[in-house]
Amino acid sequence: MKKGLALMLALIMVLSLAGCSLTGLAGDLFGKKQEEPKEPEPVPQEAPGTAEPAPEEPGPAEKKPEEEPEEPEEPVAVELGDIRSAVGEEVTASLNTLETIQQRELSAEKPDVKAWTQTLVDEADAAYGRILSRTEDGYLLTAALLANDEHIDWKTAMTELNALWNESVDRYYTGWDSLREKGRDSLSGDVSKLYETCWADGFQAYTAGWNAMHTEQQAVEAALAAGDTDIAPILSRLAQERAEELEHRQAERAAKAEEEPEEPDADEQDEDFRAMMDGYEAFFDECAGFIEEYQNSADPMSMMSQYLAYVEKSEAIFKKINDIDVASLSEADRAYYQEVMSRIYEKLSVEG
């Protein structure tokens, strides 16, 4: 027993000197190797009072450039050169036609004044219709461009079209008036009176043209301001209304031509008629002031209901004006009628 114990102690000492252990030996003997547990690595400690370094600032090449604000696009102007030329040519052609008709009749041995002046009036209606059609080309061009580019400066285009119409019909009216004076100087007696009666019908054609122009312009501007660029149906509807109104006016002329109108006293002035014309002018003073306020407003859409109310009322008043039988007026009333209407149209020729 003592011999066995001594042998075991000797074995332990040998193993110890060899760097082995009984546990490792047992593991080797039984095929199981035991891993020695690893001690955790020490966590480095910061020295007291040492702050964590701040992240480095990005270099100049790494900084994100600041975005520059986009400048608003400049409004795109609408070029009306071709339309302006077409309108000018239309006025020239119409005046040449009127002069040709007048020269033919003045050179006749016995001019048929009724037929002559009726032809002149029909030509006046047609001329104003053709001039209006050319300005409609401008409306359609503006709307088509605006449909593809919201930066189109349609307000300026409409102002230019308005000015173009004003210049054209002023030139046409001046030419027509010159022919009237020339014809009147060449006639005398009853023939001259008939000629003056038909001239009044010619002035109705002039006022009807103005009425149609302003009605169209207001309707187109209202549509464009509301973002509606499909204005063809608007122009089609107004053209139909004009055709019906023209047919009515021509029927009235034909009926009146069959009658012998009583010649009013040239110096007599109807106070009620004068008051009525003054009332019309007062309304258009108010209308012109509103149009100027609307065009200068920063928020015209907020004024749209007022705008449409003025359009509706002005259409009704222009219809009453067109229904006035100018031929039956005294010379004094006719002169006042023309004076007031000239002022009204001047006030409606709003700039800007």
Protein backbone atom coordinates (compact mmCIF):
# COMPACT_ATOMS: atom_id res chain seq x y z
CA MET A 1 0.00 0.00 0.00
CA LYS A 2 2.74 2.39 0.93
CA LYS A 3 4.58 1.34 -2.17
CA GLY A 4 1.56 2.22 -4.39
CA LEU A 5 1.09 5.58 -2.71
CA ALA A 6 4.73 6.48 -3.14
CA LEU A 7 4.52 5.54 -6.82
CA MET A 8 1.50 7.82 -7.39
CA LEU A 9 3.21 10.76 -5.64
CA ALA A 10 6.24 10.26 -7.85
CA LEU A 11 4.01 10.29 -10.94
CA ILE A 12 2.36 13.56 -9.85
CA MET A 13 5.75 15.16 -9.36
CA VAL A 14 6.90 14.07 -12.83
CA LEU A 15 3.76 15.39 -14.44
CA SER A 16 4.04 18.63 -12.53
CA LEU A 17 7.61 19.14 -13.71
CA ALA A 18 6.46 18.40 -17.27
CA GLY A 19 3.70 21.09 -17.07
CA CYS A 20 0.80 18.58 -17.14
CA SER A 21 -2.07 18.01 -14.79
CA LEU A 22 -4.08 15.00 -13.80
CA THR A 23 -7.17 16.57 -15.27
CA GLY A 24 -5.48 17.13 -18.64
CA LEU A 25 -4.09 13.69 -18.54
CA ALA A 26 -7.49 12.24 -17.85
CA GLY A 27 -8.90 14.19 -20.74
CA ASP A 28 -6.27 12.92 -23.07
CA LEU A 29 -6.85 9.43 -21.88
CA PHE A 30 -10.58 9.57 -22.46
CA GLY A 31 -10.40 11.65 -25.75
CA LYS A 32 -11.85 14.84 -24.23
CA LYS A 33 -9.74 17.96 -24.30
CA GLN A 34 -10.65 20.63 -21.82
CA GLU A 35 -10.09 24.29 -22.84
CA GLU A 36 -8.73 26.60 -20.28
CA PRO A 37 -11.01 29.60 -19.60
CA LYS A 38 -9.67 32.89 -21.03
CA GLU A 39 -9.49 35.89 -18.82
CA PRO A 40 -11.32 38.96 -20.21
CA GLU A 41 -9.09 41.64 -21.71
CA PRO A 42 -8.87 44.71 -19.58
CA VAL A 43 -10.97 47.72 -20.75
CA PRO A 44 -8.75 50.75 -21.31
CA GLN A 45 -9.60 53.51 -18.85
CA GLU A 46 -9.54 57.20 -19.82
CA ALA A 47 -7.42 59.46 -17.80
CA PRO A 48 -9.44 61.76 -15.53
CA GLY A 49 -10.40 65.04 -17.24
CA THR A 50 -9.76 63.83 -20.81
CA ALA A 51 -12.69 64.67 -23.18
CA GLU A 52 -13.67 62.53 -26.11
CA PRO A 53 -12.33 64.14 -29.31
CA ALA A 54 -15.03 65.87 -31.48
CA PRO A 55 -15.68 64.52 -34.99
CA GLU A 56 -13.55 66.16 -37.61
CA GLU A 57 -15.13 68.90 -39.79
CA PRO A 58 -15.47 67.85 -43.42
CA GLY A 59 -12.94 69.42 -45.69
CA PRO A 60 -13.89 72.02 -48.29
CA ALA A 61 -14.36 69.37 -50.96
CA GLU A 62 -16.72 67.40 -48.67
CA LYS A 63 -19.12 70.28 -47.82
CA LYS A 64 -22.50 70.19 -49.62
CA PRO A 65 -22.98 73.34 -51.65
CA GLU A 66 -25.97 75.50 -50.71
CA GLU A 67 -28.82 75.44 -53.27
CA GLU A 68 -29.44 78.78 -54.92
CA PRO A 69 -33.12 79.86 -55.08
CA GLU A 70 -34.66 79.51 -58.52
CA GLU A 71 -35.49 82.80 -60.18
CA PRO A 72 -39.09 83.07 -61.44
CA GLU A 73 -39.43 82.67 -65.16
CA GLU A 74 -40.08 85.82 -67.15
CA PRO A 75 -43.56 85.98 -68.76
CA VAL A 76 -43.49 84.91 -72.40
CA ALA A 77 -44.89 87.54 -74.76
CA VAL A 78 -47.37 86.61 -77.47
CA GLU A 79 -46.26 87.77 -80.93
CA LEU A 80 -49.20 89.33 -82.78
CA GLY A 81 -47.35 90.56 -85.87
CA ASP A 82 -49.23 88.45 -88.43
CA ILE A 83 -52.56 89.17 -86.80
CA ARG A 84 -51.86 92.91 -86.71
CA SER A 85 -50.99 92.85 -90.43
CA ALA A 86 -54.14 90.88 -91.27
CA VAL A 87 -56.34 93.38 -89.40
CA GLY A 88 -54.67 96.32 -91.17
CA GLU A 89 -55.18 94.71 -94.56
CA GLU A 90 -58.83 94.03 -93.70
CA VAL A 91 -59.47 97.69 -92.88
CA THR A 92 -57.78 98.85 -96.08
CA ALA A 93 -59.75 96.39 -98.22
CA SER A 94 -63.08 97.37 -96.62
CA LEU A 95 -62.51 101.10 -97.06
CA ASN A 96 -61.55 100.53 -100.69
CA THR A 97 -64.79 98.58 -101.22
CA LEU A 98 -66.86 101.37 -99.65
CA GLU A 99 -65.18 103.99 -101.81
CA THR A 100 -65.69 101.96 -104.98
CA ILE A 101 -69.41 101.61 -104.25
CA GLN A 102 -69.76 105.31 -103.50
CA GLN A 103 -67.88 106.47 -106.60
CA ARG A 104 -70.05 104.26 -108.77
CA GLU A 105 -73.25 105.69 -107.35
CA LEU A 106 -72.09 109.33 -107.36
CA SER A 107 -71.21 109.03 -111.04
CA ALA A 108 -74.66 107.65 -111.91
CA GLU A 109 -77.14 109.98 -113.60
CA LYS A 110 -79.77 109.19 -110.96
CA PRO A 111 -78.26 107.41 -107.95
CA ASP A 112 -80.45 104.95 -106.07
CA VAL A 113 -79.62 106.26 -102.60
CA LYS A 114 -81.60 103.62 -100.72
CA ALA A 115 -79.88 100.73 -102.45
CA TRP A 116 -76.54 102.50 -102.31
CA THR A 117 -76.59 103.24 -98.60
CA GLN A 118 -78.03 99.82 -97.77
CA THR A 119 -75.07 98.27 -99.57
CA LEU A 120 -72.73 100.50 -97.58
CA VAL A 121 -74.36 99.49 -94.30
CA ASP A 122 -74.20 95.78 -95.18
CA GLU A 123 -70.52 96.22 -96.02
CA ALA A 124 -69.99 97.97 -92.67
CA ASP A 125 -71.54 95.02 -90.81
CA ALA A 126 -69.38 92.59 -92.77
CA ALA A 127 -66.23 94.66 -92.23
CA TYR A 128 -66.67 94.81 -88.45
CA GLY A 129 -67.33 91.07 -88.46
CA ARG A 130 -64.10 90.40 -90.39
CA ILE A 131 -62.03 92.69 -88.15
CA LEU A 132 -63.48 90.94 -85.11
CA SER A 133 -62.65 87.56 -86.66
CA ARG A 134 -58.99 88.59 -86.99
CA THR A 135 -58.84 89.61 -83.32
CA GLU A 136 -60.43 86.27 -82.44
CA ASP A 137 -57.39 84.68 -84.11
CA GLY A 138 -55.36 86.49 -81.45
CA TYR A 139 -57.57 85.15 -78.65
CA LEU A 140 -57.20 81.59 -79.95
CA LEU A 141 -53.44 81.94 -80.39
CA THR A 142 -53.06 83.26 -76.84
CA ALA A 143 -55.19 80.48 -75.35
CA ALA A 144 -53.34 77.78 -77.32
CA LEU A 145 -49.94 79.03 -76.18
CA LEU A 146 -51.15 79.33 -72.59
CA ALA A 147 -52.39 75.73 -72.67
CA ASN A 148 -48.80 74.58 -73.31
CA ASP A 149 -46.96 77.14 -71.17
CA GLU A 150 -48.43 78.65 -68.01
CA HIS A 151 -45.91 81.50 -68.20
CA ILE A 152 -47.54 83.00 -71.31
CA ASP A 153 -48.27 86.69 -70.66
CA TRP A 154 -51.91 86.49 -71.74
CA LYS A 155 -52.95 89.70 -69.99
CA THR A 156 -50.54 91.73 -72.10
CA ALA A 157 -51.69 89.88 -75.22
CA MET A 158 -55.33 90.74 -74.47
CA THR A 159 -54.41 94.38 -73.88
CA GLU A 160 -52.58 94.51 -77.21
CA LEU A 161 -55.54 92.93 -79.00
CA ASN A 162 -57.84 95.48 -77.41
CA ALA A 163 -55.57 98.31 -78.59
CA LEU A 164 -55.37 96.71 -82.05
CA TRP A 165 -59.17 96.63 -82.30
CA ASN A 166 -59.42 100.25 -81.12
CA GLU A 167 -56.89 101.49 -83.66
CA SER A 168 -58.48 99.51 -86.49
CA VAL A 169 -62.10 100.51 -85.95
CA ASP A 170 -61.10 104.13 -85.31
CA ARG A 171 -59.36 104.11 -88.68
CA TYR A 172 -62.34 102.39 -90.29
CA TYR A 173 -64.83 104.81 -88.70
CA THR A 174 -62.75 107.82 -89.77
CA GLY A 175 -62.68 106.51 -93.35
CA TRP A 176 -66.40 105.77 -93.31
CA ASP A 177 -67.18 109.26 -91.92
CA SER A 178 -65.02 110.86 -94.62
CA LEU A 179 -66.97 109.01 -97.31
CA ARG A 180 -70.25 110.06 -95.71
CA GLU A 181 -69.21 113.72 -95.85
CA LYS A 182 -68.12 113.35 -99.43
CA GLY A 183 -71.44 111.78 -100.40
CA ARG A 184 -73.50 114.33 -98.52
CA ASP A 185 -71.72 117.21 -100.25
CA SER A 186 -72.57 115.65 -103.61
CA LEU A 187 -76.29 115.22 -102.91
CA SER A 188 -79.14 117.59 -102.21
CA GLY A 189 -82.81 117.79 -101.25
CA ASP A 190 -84.73 114.63 -100.44
CA VAL A 191 -81.88 112.44 -101.63
CA SER A 192 -79.62 114.00 -99.01
CA LYS A 193 -82.18 113.28 -96.26
CA LEU A 194 -82.38 109.64 -97.28
CA TYR A 195 -78.62 109.42 -97.21
CA GLU A 196 -78.49 110.81 -93.67
CA THR A 197 -81.07 108.27 -92.55
CA CYS A 198 -78.99 105.42 -93.90
CA TRP A 199 -75.87 106.88 -92.31
CA ALA A 200 -77.60 106.41 -88.94
CA ASP A 201 -77.88 102.70 -89.77
CA GLY A 202 -74.16 102.71 -90.52
CA PHE A 203 -73.50 104.06 -87.04
CA GLN A 204 -75.54 101.18 -85.63
CA ALA A 205 -73.16 98.80 -87.38
CA TYR A 206 -70.29 100.64 -85.70
CA THR A 207 -71.83 100.37 -82.21
CA ALA A 208 -72.74 96.71 -82.78
CA GLY A 209 -69.11 95.99 -83.67
CA TRP A 210 -67.89 97.66 -80.49
CA ASN A 211 -70.44 95.82 -78.41
CA ALA A 212 -69.37 92.45 -79.88
CA MET A 213 -65.69 93.18 -79.30
CA HIS A 214 -66.06 94.09 -75.63
CA THR A 215 -68.44 91.19 -74.96
CA GLU A 216 -65.93 88.74 -76.46
CA GLN A 217 -62.93 90.21 -74.70
CA GLN A 218 -64.61 90.09 -71.30
CA ALA A 219 -65.76 86.50 -71.83
CA VAL A 220 -62.29 85.34 -72.98
CA GLU A 221 -60.49 87.13 -70.13
CA ALA A 222 -62.85 85.61 -67.57
CA ALA A 223 -62.16 82.12 -68.99
CA LEU A 224 -58.36 82.56 -69.06
CA ALA A 225 -58.36 84.00 -65.53
CA ALA A 226 -60.21 80.87 -64.38
CA GLY A 227 -57.61 78.64 -66.10
CA ASP A 228 -59.89 77.60 -68.98
CA THR A 229 -57.98 77.71 -72.27
CA ASP A 230 -60.69 76.01 -74.35
CA ILE A 231 -62.24 79.26 -75.59
CA ALA A 232 -63.41 78.03 -79.02
CA PRO A 233 -66.90 77.12 -77.67
CA ILE A 234 -67.18 80.61 -76.14
CA LEU A 235 -66.37 82.30 -79.45
CA SER A 236 -68.73 79.96 -81.31
CA ARG A 237 -71.61 80.80 -78.97
CA LEU A 238 -71.01 84.53 -79.24
CA ALA A 239 -70.76 84.30 -83.04
CA GLN A 240 -74.17 82.63 -83.13
CA GLU A 241 -75.62 85.38 -80.94
CA ARG A 242 -74.11 88.03 -83.23
CA ALA A 243 -75.60 86.35 -86.30
CA GLU A 244 -79.05 86.37 -84.72
CA GLU A 245 -78.69 90.00 -83.68
CA LEU A 246 -77.53 90.99 -87.18
CA GLU A 247 -80.48 89.20 -88.77
CA HIS A 248 -82.84 91.10 -86.47
CA ARG A 249 -81.15 94.40 -87.28
CA GLN A 250 -81.31 93.79 -91.02
CA ALA A 251 -85.01 92.93 -90.78
CA GLU A 252 -85.61 96.22 -88.97
CA ARG A 253 -83.75 98.10 -91.68
CA ALA A 254 -85.80 96.46 -94.42
CA ALA A 255 -89.06 97.35 -92.67
CA LYS A 256 -87.93 100.90 -92.04
CA ALA A 257 -86.84 101.36 -95.67
CA GLU A 258 -90.43 100.76 -96.78
CA GLU A 259 -91.71 103.54 -94.59
CA GLU A 260 -91.40 107.28 -95.01
CA PRO A 261 -90.06 108.44 -91.64
CA GLU A 262 -91.24 111.74 -90.27
CA GLU A 263 -88.42 114.22 -90.23
CA PRO A 264 -87.91 115.40 -86.61
CA ASP A 265 -87.22 119.01 -85.74
CA ALA A 266 -83.44 119.37 -86.05
CA ASP A 267 -83.13 121.63 -83.00
CA GLU A 268 -85.50 119.73 -80.71
CA GLN A 269 -83.88 117.84 -77.84
CA ASP A 270 -85.64 115.20 -75.76
CA GLU A 271 -84.73 115.65 -72.09
CA ASP A 272 -85.78 112.08 -71.24
CA PHE A 273 -83.51 110.73 -73.96
CA ARG A 274 -80.63 112.86 -72.70
CA ALA A 275 -81.18 111.60 -69.12
CA MET A 276 -81.21 107.99 -70.37
CA MET A 277 -77.89 108.47 -72.19
CA ASP A 278 -76.42 110.14 -69.10
CA GLY A 279 -77.46 107.09 -67.06
CA TYR A 280 -75.71 104.77 -69.52
CA GLU A 281 -72.55 106.85 -69.33
CA ALA A 282 -72.62 106.87 -65.50
CA PHE A 283 -72.77 103.06 -65.47
CA PHE A 284 -69.79 102.76 -67.81
CA ASP A 285 -67.83 105.23 -65.68
CA GLU A 286 -68.36 102.80 -62.81
CA CYS A 287 -67.57 99.82 -65.06
CA ALA A 288 -64.29 101.35 -66.30
CA GLY A 289 -63.21 102.04 -62.71
CA PHE A 290 -63.88 98.44 -61.71
CA ILE A 291 -61.99 97.06 -64.75
CA GLU A 292 -58.95 99.12 -63.80
CA GLU A 293 -59.16 97.87 -60.19
CA TYR A 294 -59.57 94.27 -61.41
CA GLN A 295 -56.55 94.45 -63.73
CA ASN A 296 -54.36 95.92 -60.98
CA SER A 297 -55.55 93.49 -58.29
CA ALA A 298 -53.10 91.00 -56.77
CA ASP A 299 -56.00 88.53 -56.44
CA PRO A 300 -58.36 89.03 -59.41
CA MET A 301 -60.06 85.68 -58.78
CA SER A 302 -61.61 87.08 -55.60
CA MET A 303 -63.34 89.71 -57.78
CA MET A 304 -64.62 87.25 -60.38
CA SER A 305 -68.28 87.36 -59.25
CA GLN A 306 -68.28 91.17 -59.52
CA TYR A 307 -66.54 90.93 -62.90
CA LEU A 308 -69.21 88.60 -64.28
CA ALA A 309 -71.99 90.82 -62.87
CA TYR A 310 -70.56 93.80 -64.73
CA VAL A 311 -70.28 91.74 -67.91
CA GLU A 312 -73.92 90.69 -67.67
CA LYS A 313 -75.17 94.20 -66.93
CA SER A 314 -73.04 95.82 -69.66
CA GLU A 315 -74.38 93.34 -72.21
CA ALA A 316 -77.96 94.27 -71.24
CA ILE A 317 -77.23 98.00 -71.48
CA PHE A 318 -75.48 97.66 -74.84
CA LYS A 319 -78.52 95.79 -76.13
CA LYS A 320 -80.72 98.73 -75.08
CA ILE A 321 -78.34 101.13 -76.78
CA ASN A 322 -78.36 99.09 -79.99
CA ASP A 323 -82.17 99.06 -79.94
CA ILE A 324 -82.28 102.88 -80.12
CA ASP A 325 -83.71 103.98 -83.45
CA VAL A 326 -81.02 106.51 -84.27
CA ALA A 327 -82.69 107.52 -87.53
CA SER A 328 -85.78 108.73 -85.70
CA LEU A 329 -83.81 111.02 -83.38
CA SER A 330 -83.67 114.74 -83.88
CA GLU A 331 -80.39 116.10 -85.10
CA ALA A 332 -79.65 117.40 -81.60
CA ASP A 333 -80.42 114.04 -79.96
CA ARG A 334 -78.43 112.17 -82.58
CA ALA A 335 -75.45 114.42 -81.98
CA TYR A 336 -75.70 113.85 -78.21
CA TYR A 337 -76.05 110.09 -78.77
CA GLN A 338 -72.85 110.01 -80.80
CA GLU A 339 -71.06 112.22 -78.27
CA VAL A 340 -71.96 109.96 -75.33
CA MET A 341 -71.18 106.74 -77.20
CA SER A 342 -67.76 108.06 -78.20
CA ARG A 343 -66.98 108.82 -74.54
CA ILE A 344 -68.24 105.40 -73.42
CA TYR A 345 -66.02 103.53 -75.85
CA GLU A 346 -63.04 105.64 -74.89
CA LYS A 347 -63.60 104.76 -71.21
CA LEU A 348 -63.86 101.05 -72.04
CA SER A 349 -60.54 101.12 -73.90
CA VAL A 350 -58.72 100.20 -70.67
CA GLU A 351 -54.94 100.06 -70.83
CA GLY A 352 -52.94 97.49 -68.84
